[in-house]
Protein backbone atom coordinates (compact mmCIF):
# COMPACT_ATOMS: atom_id res chain seq x y z
CA MET A 1 0.00 0.00 0.00
CA ALA A 2 1.37 3.43 -0.99
CA LEU A 3 1.38 5.78 1.98
CA VAL A 4 2.89 9.25 1.60
CA LEU A 5 2.97 12.13 4.06
CA HIS A 6 3.30 15.60 2.55
CA GLY A 7 4.60 18.05 5.12
CA TYR A 8 7.14 20.59 6.30
CA ARG A 9 9.97 19.30 8.48
CA TYR A 10 9.64 22.17 10.98
CA SER A 11 5.85 21.93 11.21
CA VAL A 12 4.66 20.74 14.61
CA TYR A 13 1.60 19.22 12.96
CA THR A 14 3.66 17.28 10.45
CA ARG A 15 5.68 15.97 13.37
CA ILE A 16 2.52 14.88 15.18
CA ALA A 17 1.57 12.73 12.19
CA ARG A 18 5.12 11.36 12.00
CA LEU A 19 5.04 10.50 15.71
CA VAL A 20 1.88 8.48 15.21
CA LEU A 21 3.40 6.67 12.23
CA ALA A 22 6.52 5.90 14.27
CA GLU A 23 4.57 4.62 17.26
CA LYS A 24 2.40 2.46 15.00
CA GLY A 25 5.46 1.14 13.17
CA VAL A 26 4.09 2.11 9.75
CA ALA A 27 6.42 2.58 6.79
CA TYR A 28 5.69 5.60 4.60
CA GLY A 29 7.17 7.99 2.08
CA ARG A 30 7.69 11.69 2.66
CA VAL A 31 7.35 14.70 0.41
CA GLU A 32 8.80 17.94 1.77
CA VAL A 33 6.36 20.83 1.34
CA ASP A 34 7.19 24.33 2.54
CA PRO A 35 3.84 26.08 3.06
CA PHE A 36 5.64 29.43 3.26
CA ALA A 37 7.38 29.11 -0.11
CA ALA A 38 6.31 31.62 -2.73
CA ASP A 39 6.89 29.08 -5.53
CA ARG A 40 5.06 26.14 -3.98
CA PRO A 41 4.27 23.58 -6.71
CA ALA A 42 0.65 23.54 -7.81
CA ASP A 43 0.38 19.79 -7.23
CA ASP A 44 1.27 20.23 -3.57
CA ALA A 45 -1.01 23.22 -3.10
CA ASN A 46 -3.90 21.34 -4.67
CA LEU A 47 -3.71 18.61 -2.04
CA HIS A 48 -4.68 21.06 0.69
CA PRO A 49 -7.13 23.79 -0.36
CA PHE A 50 -6.05 25.96 2.59
CA GLY A 51 -2.36 25.69 1.77
CA ARG A 52 -1.27 24.06 5.03
CA VAL A 53 0.45 20.85 6.08
CA PRO A 54 0.38 17.93 6.53
CA THR A 55 -1.60 15.96 3.97
CA LEU A 56 -1.71 12.16 3.89
CA VAL A 57 -2.16 10.23 0.65
CA HIS A 58 -2.96 6.55 1.07
CA ASP A 59 -3.60 4.59 -2.12
CA GLY A 60 -5.23 7.63 -3.70
CA PHE A 61 -7.18 8.58 -0.57
CA VAL A 62 -6.27 12.18 0.29
CA LEU A 63 -6.71 13.38 3.85
CA TYR A 64 -5.78 16.67 5.49
CA GLU A 65 -6.25 18.09 9.02
CA THR A 66 -3.90 16.53 11.56
CA ALA A 67 -6.55 15.24 13.97
CA ALA A 68 -8.28 13.41 11.11
CA ILE A 69 -4.96 12.00 9.88
CA THR A 70 -3.86 10.67 13.25
CA ARG A 71 -7.20 9.04 14.01
CA TYR A 72 -7.26 7.47 10.56
CA LEU A 73 -3.76 6.07 11.00
CA ASP A 74 -4.71 4.60 14.35
CA ARG A 75 -7.81 2.95 12.91
CA ALA A 76 -6.32 1.82 9.60
CA PHE A 77 -3.08 0.21 10.72
CA ALA A 78 -1.98 -2.44 13.16
CA GLY A 79 0.15 -1.60 16.16
CA PRO A 80 -0.66 -0.16 19.56
CA HIS A 81 -4.09 1.42 19.91
CA LEU A 82 -3.63 5.15 20.51
CA GLN A 83 -7.26 6.01 21.32
CA PRO A 84 -8.76 4.92 24.65
CA ALA A 85 -11.81 2.70 24.52
CA ALA A 86 -13.36 4.09 27.70
CA PRO A 87 -15.68 7.02 26.88
CA ARG A 88 -14.34 9.35 29.55
CA ALA A 89 -10.70 8.70 28.72
CA ALA A 90 -11.47 9.22 25.03
CA ALA A 91 -13.25 12.46 25.86
CA ARG A 92 -10.29 13.63 27.93
CA MET A 93 -8.00 12.83 25.02
CA ASP A 94 -10.15 14.90 22.68
CA GLN A 95 -10.32 17.73 25.22
CA THR A 96 -6.54 17.76 25.71
CA ILE A 97 -5.89 17.87 21.98
CA GLY A 98 -8.49 20.61 21.61
CA ILE A 99 -6.83 22.71 24.30
CA VAL A 100 -3.37 22.67 22.76
CA ASP A 101 -4.73 23.25 19.27
CA ALA A 102 -6.90 26.19 20.28
CA TYR A 103 -4.80 27.80 23.01
CA GLY A 104 -1.33 26.22 23.01
CA TYR A 105 0.00 26.15 19.47
CA TRP A 106 0.29 29.89 18.96
CA PRO A 107 2.01 30.89 22.22
CA MET A 108 4.13 27.77 22.60
CA VAL A 109 5.25 27.30 19.00
CA ARG A 110 4.69 30.45 17.00
CA GLN A 111 5.74 32.85 19.75
CA VAL A 112 8.13 31.22 22.24
CA PHE A 113 9.80 28.63 20.00
CA ALA A 114 9.77 30.67 16.81
CA HIS A 115 11.18 33.83 18.38
CA ARG A 116 13.48 32.39 21.02
CA VAL A 117 14.82 29.36 19.11
CA LEU A 118 13.96 29.16 15.42
CA ARG A 119 14.61 32.74 14.34
CA PRO A 120 18.00 33.03 16.07
CA ALA A 121 19.04 29.66 14.61
CA ALA A 122 18.25 31.04 11.16
CA GLY A 123 20.13 34.29 11.84
CA ARG A 124 17.00 36.36 12.28
CA PRO A 125 16.18 38.63 15.24
CA ALA A 126 13.71 37.62 17.93
CA ASP A 127 10.84 39.85 18.95
CA GLU A 128 11.04 39.95 22.74
CA ALA A 129 7.47 41.18 23.03
CA GLU A 130 6.30 38.09 21.18
CA VAL A 131 8.34 35.88 23.51
CA ALA A 132 6.80 37.57 26.55
CA HIS A 133 3.26 37.19 25.24
CA GLY A 134 3.98 33.58 24.32
CA LEU A 135 5.29 32.74 27.76
CA ALA A 136 2.19 34.20 29.41
CA GLY A 137 -0.10 32.21 27.13
CA SER A 138 1.96 29.05 27.51
CA ALA A 139 1.84 29.28 31.30
CA LYS A 140 -1.96 29.32 31.22
CA VAL A 141 -2.12 26.32 28.90
CA LEU A 142 0.37 24.30 30.94
CA ALA A 143 -1.58 25.03 34.12
CA ALA A 144 -4.79 23.79 32.47
CA LEU A 145 -3.08 20.62 31.23
CA GLU A 146 -1.55 20.03 34.66
CA SER A 147 -5.00 20.08 36.24
CA LEU A 148 -6.28 17.49 33.75
CA ALA A 149 -3.26 15.17 33.55
CA GLU A 150 -3.34 11.81 35.24
CA PRO A 151 -1.00 11.66 38.26
CA HIS A 152 0.88 8.63 36.90
CA GLY A 153 1.55 7.23 33.45
CA PHE A 154 0.41 9.20 30.43
CA LEU A 155 -1.83 12.22 30.06
CA VAL A 156 -5.17 10.43 29.92
CA GLY A 157 -4.42 7.05 31.44
CA PRO A 158 -1.94 4.19 31.74
CA ASP A 159 -1.31 3.88 27.99
CA LEU A 160 0.16 6.22 25.39
CA SER A 161 -2.53 8.04 23.40
CA LEU A 162 -2.82 10.56 20.61
CA ALA A 163 -3.00 13.24 23.32
CA ASP A 164 0.56 12.47 24.42
CA LEU A 165 1.90 12.77 20.88
CA HIS A 166 -0.12 15.89 20.05
CA VAL A 167 0.91 17.72 23.21
CA GLY A 168 4.40 16.25 23.13
CA ALA A 169 5.21 17.71 19.73
CA MET A 170 4.37 21.19 21.01
CA VAL A 171 6.09 20.77 24.37
CA ALA A 172 9.22 19.57 22.59
CA TYR A 173 9.47 22.94 20.88
CA LEU A 174 8.50 24.94 23.95
CA ALA A 175 11.13 23.17 26.07
CA MET A 176 13.89 24.14 23.62
CA ALA A 177 13.55 27.69 24.95
CA PRO A 178 15.06 28.03 28.45
CA GLU A 179 12.09 30.06 29.65
CA GLY A 180 9.69 27.51 28.19
CA LEU A 181 11.46 24.64 29.94
CA ALA A 182 11.30 26.58 33.21
CA LEU A 183 7.53 26.98 32.81
CA LEU A 184 7.15 23.26 32.20
CA GLN A 185 9.20 22.34 35.24
CA ARG A 186 6.84 24.32 37.47
CA GLN A 187 4.11 21.77 36.69
CA PRO A 188 5.09 18.54 38.47
CA ARG A 189 2.79 16.14 36.63
CA LEU A 190 3.66 17.54 33.22
CA ALA A 191 7.37 17.65 34.03
CA ALA A 192 7.36 13.97 35.04
CA TRP A 193 5.26 13.08 31.99
CA TRP A 194 7.61 14.89 29.62
CA ASP A 195 10.65 13.28 31.21
CA THR A 196 9.17 9.93 30.14
CA VAL A 197 7.46 10.78 26.86
CA GLY A 198 10.24 12.98 25.51
CA ARG A 199 12.66 10.05 25.76
CA ARG A 200 10.61 7.76 23.53
CA PRO A 201 12.42 6.66 20.34
CA SER A 202 9.67 8.21 18.22
CA PHE A 203 10.66 11.70 19.39
CA ALA A 204 14.32 11.18 18.50
CA LEU A 205 13.32 9.70 15.14
CA THR A 206 11.13 12.68 14.22
CA ALA A 207 13.32 15.51 15.59
CA PRO A 208 13.45 18.11 12.81
CA GLY A 209 16.70 19.81 13.73
CA LEU A 210 17.15 23.53 13.20
CA PRO A 211 18.04 25.64 10.17
CA THR A 212 21.47 27.21 9.92
CA PRO A 213 22.06 30.85 8.94
């Protein structure tokens, strides 16, 4: 079966899909797509009408939106089940993913990581006001996740779920900024969770690296 993931190596959402593929043990091809490129090929742009990443193509079946992709991969392929069967645990998984998508991505990734880590790595200046706003927003999100996280094991129970991979991809970027790591370490459940989840082979396998000036 032909399975191809179209995405940008620095995209947190592309990494979320790659984490799921790694945890499921699914082989796939990759096509690098820079959504910010002015000369993006028409074929790539046509896969996603909103011009974002990632997009999954599986035997001619085209699917975009990360949450849809990860749930499809979990249903369609063998390997560990990444969605809890119990209704309340499944609801908590959905809630956790919804929180980081709606309230976490922008401050954690686009503000703290982008301005404190990514821009300097590329030889571009950071906007300290953006970092400050991002840290304030990230602190609120981490506090909310801390209140919902299970005291032991993974975020929504004893087994790894899509919530761990979704949140983990964003926390991985946040923690690359010293101030972001400090925020995380103030939340004992999340800090212990990240110490375990961040060491999983899937995170090392999907680490995007950083651009050079």
